[in-house]
C-alpha atoms as a PDB file:
ATOM      1  CA  UNK A   1      69.469  -5.201  -6.493  1.00  0.00           C
ATOM      2  CA  UNK A   2      70.485  -2.147  -8.436  1.00  0.00           C
ATOM      3  CA  UNK A   3      69.141   1.067  -7.986  1.00  0.00           C
ATOM      4  CA  UNK A   4      69.354   4.251 -10.632  1.00  0.00           C
ATOM      5  CA  UNK A   5      69.440   7.436  -9.989  1.00  0.00           C
ATOM      6  CA  UNK A   6      69.239  10.214 -12.387  1.00  0.00           C
ATOM      7  CA  UNK A   7      71.491  12.772 -12.819  1.00  0.00           C
ATOM      8  CA  UNK A   8      71.400  16.093 -14.499  1.00  0.00           C
ATOM      9  CA  UNK A   9      73.995  16.911 -16.983  1.00  0.00           C
ATOM     10  CA  UNK A  10      74.675  20.102 -15.377  1.00  0.00           C
ATOM     11  CA  UNK A  11      74.922  17.983 -11.928  1.00  0.00           C
ATOM     12  CA  UNK A  12      77.486  15.862 -13.111  1.00  0.00           C
ATOM     13  CA  UNK A  13      79.683  18.596 -14.902  1.00  0.00           C
ATOM     14  CA  UNK A  14      79.409  20.439 -11.617  1.00  0.00           C
ATOM     15  CA  UNK A  15      80.608  17.201  -9.804  1.00  0.00           C
ATOM     16  CA  UNK A  16      83.263  16.417 -12.471  1.00  0.00           C
ATOM     17  CA  UNK A  17      84.406  19.593 -11.798  1.00  0.00           C
ATOM     18  CA  UNK A  18      84.461  19.314  -8.060  1.00  0.00           C
ATOM     19  CA  UNK A  19      86.193  16.240  -8.595  1.00  0.00           C
ATOM     20  CA  UNK A  20      89.196  18.051 -10.915  1.00  0.00           C
ATOM     21  CA  UNK A  21      89.399  21.080  -8.391  1.00  0.00           C
ATOM     22  CA  UNK A  22      89.926  18.034  -5.280  1.00  0.00           C
ATOM     23  CA  UNK A  23      92.162  16.438  -7.253  1.00  0.00           C
ATOM     24  CA  UNK A  24      94.609  19.386  -8.551  1.00  0.00           C
ATOM     25  CA  UNK A  25      94.797  20.151  -4.692  1.00  0.00           C
ATOM     26  CA  UNK A  26      95.922  16.987  -3.307  1.00  0.00           C
ATOM     27  CA  UNK A  27      98.857  16.953  -6.183  1.00  0.00           C
ATOM     28  CA  UNK A  28     100.108  20.527  -5.321  1.00  0.00           C
ATOM     29  CA  UNK A  29     100.036  19.851  -1.774  1.00  0.00           C
ATOM     30  CA  UNK A  30     102.208  16.039  -2.402  1.00  0.00           C
ATOM     31  CA  UNK A  31     104.600  18.476  -4.783  1.00  0.00           C
ATOM     32  CA  UNK A  32     105.114  20.603  -1.789  1.00  0.00           C
ATOM     33  CA  UNK A  33     105.728  17.843   0.865  1.00  0.00           C
ATOM     34  CA  UNK A  34     108.267  16.474  -1.511  1.00  0.00           C
ATOM     35  CA  UNK A  35     109.849  19.436  -1.657  1.00  0.00           C
ATOM     36  CA  UNK A  36     110.416  19.104   1.926  1.00  0.00           C
ATOM     37  CA  UNK A  37     112.191  15.874   1.887  1.00  0.00           C
ATOM     38  CA  UNK A  38     114.256  15.924  -1.205  1.00  0.00           C
ATOM     39  CA  UNK A  39     118.254  17.413  -0.400  1.00  0.00           C
ATOM     40  CA  UNK A  40     118.701  17.829  -4.012  1.00  0.00           C
ATOM     41  CA  UNK A  41     117.139  20.310  -6.056  1.00  0.00           C
ATOM     42  CA  UNK A  42     117.042  21.224  -9.649  1.00  0.00           C
ATOM     43  CA  UNK A  43     116.925  24.741 -10.725  1.00  0.00           C
ATOM     44  CA  UNK A  44     112.703  24.836 -10.973  1.00  0.00           C
ATOM     45  CA  UNK A  45     112.759  23.022  -7.733  1.00  0.00           C
ATOM     46  CA  UNK A  46     115.099  25.720  -6.392  1.00  0.00           C
ATOM     47  CA  UNK A  47     113.422  28.548  -7.271  1.00  0.00           C
ATOM     48  CA  UNK A  48     109.761  26.933  -5.752  1.00  0.00           C
ATOM     49  CA  UNK A  49     111.818  26.247  -2.456  1.00  0.00           C
ATOM     50  CA  UNK A  50     112.654  30.112  -2.145  1.00  0.00           C
ATOM     51  CA  UNK A  51     109.764  31.498  -3.908  1.00  0.00           C
ATOM     52  CA  UNK A  52     112.017  33.401  -6.278  1.00  0.00           C
ATOM     53  CA  UNK A  53     112.239  33.954 -10.328  1.00  0.00           C
ATOM     54  CA  UNK A  54     115.009  32.194 -12.337  1.00  0.00           C
ATOM     55  CA  UNK A  55     116.611  35.866 -12.223  1.00  0.00           C
ATOM     56  CA  UNK A  56     116.874  36.443  -8.677  1.00  0.00           C
ATOM     57  CA  UNK A  57     118.583  32.826  -8.250  1.00  0.00           C
ATOM     58  CA  UNK A  58     120.808  33.817 -10.843  1.00  0.00           C
ATOM     59  CA  UNK A  59     121.591  36.963  -8.427  1.00  0.00           C
ATOM     60  CA  UNK A  60     121.618  34.114  -5.172  1.00  0.00           C
ATOM     61  CA  UNK A  61     124.446  32.286  -7.634  1.00  0.00           C
ATOM     62  CA  UNK A  62     126.896  35.172  -8.628  1.00  0.00           C
ATOM     63  CA  UNK A  63     126.284  36.278  -4.774  1.00  0.00           C
ATOM     64  CA  UNK A  64     128.128  32.873  -3.617  1.00  0.00           C
ATOM     65  CA  UNK A  65     125.078  30.770  -3.272  1.00  0.00           C
ATOM     66  CA  UNK A  66     127.039  27.319  -4.364  1.00  0.00           C
ATOM     67  CA  UNK A  67     125.566  24.460  -6.799  1.00  0.00           C
ATOM     68  CA  UNK A  68     126.668  21.497  -8.419  1.00  0.00           C
ATOM     69  CA  UNK A  69     126.263  21.341 -12.667  1.00  0.00           C
ATOM     70  CA  UNK A  70     126.347  18.052 -14.271  1.00  0.00           C
ATOM     71  CA  UNK A  71     125.255  17.494 -17.913  1.00  0.00           C
ATOM     72  CA  UNK A  72     124.810  20.993 -18.339  1.00  0.00           C
ATOM     73  CA  UNK A  73     122.112  20.859 -15.463  1.00  0.00           C
ATOM     74  CA  UNK A  74     122.631  22.663 -11.889  1.00  0.00           C
ATOM     75  CA  UNK A  75     121.534  21.574  -9.144  1.00  0.00           C
ATOM     76  CA  UNK A  76     121.679  23.151  -5.119  1.00  0.00           C
ATOM     77  CA  UNK A  77     121.553  21.753  -1.748  1.00  0.00           C
ATOM     78  CA  UNK A  78     119.294  22.483   0.969  1.00  0.00           C
ATOM     79  CA  UNK A  79     122.073  22.941   3.370  1.00  0.00           C
ATOM     80  CA  UNK A  80     123.889  25.193   0.870  1.00  0.00           C
ATOM     81  CA  UNK A  81     120.675  27.266   0.467  1.00  0.00           C
ATOM     82  CA  UNK A  82     120.248  27.469   4.295  1.00  0.00           C
ATOM     83  CA  UNK A  83     124.258  28.500   4.634  1.00  0.00           C
ATOM     84  CA  UNK A  84     123.525  31.310   1.661  1.00  0.00           C
ATOM     85  CA  UNK A  85     120.870  32.897   3.487  1.00  0.00           C
ATOM     86  CA  UNK A  86     122.091  32.360   6.498  1.00  0.00           C
ATOM     87  CA  UNK A  87     124.556  34.493   5.608  1.00  0.00           C
ATOM     88  CA  UNK A  88     122.518  37.790   5.102  1.00  0.00           C
ATOM     89  CA  UNK A  89     120.851  37.357   8.577  1.00  0.00           C
ATOM     90  CA  UNK A  90     119.926  39.940  10.379  1.00  0.00           C
END
């Protein structure tokens, strides 16, 4: 038995928008969870992890935040970030 229900193009468009928004939210949540489990972060990931700009991350480096540089790319370990932040704990 095959039942067809007519759906307006307006409803289709609205429904598609809702599904797209839900998919984007799920992907963002997965991205955030991935950062929780990663130990080594790229520059961009370190910025997201610290909620800071590129300039602030550079300032942290000048103040002693450790990083590794391989083939011109910088990497930060979460433990080094935590150690750095703990130096400034009140």
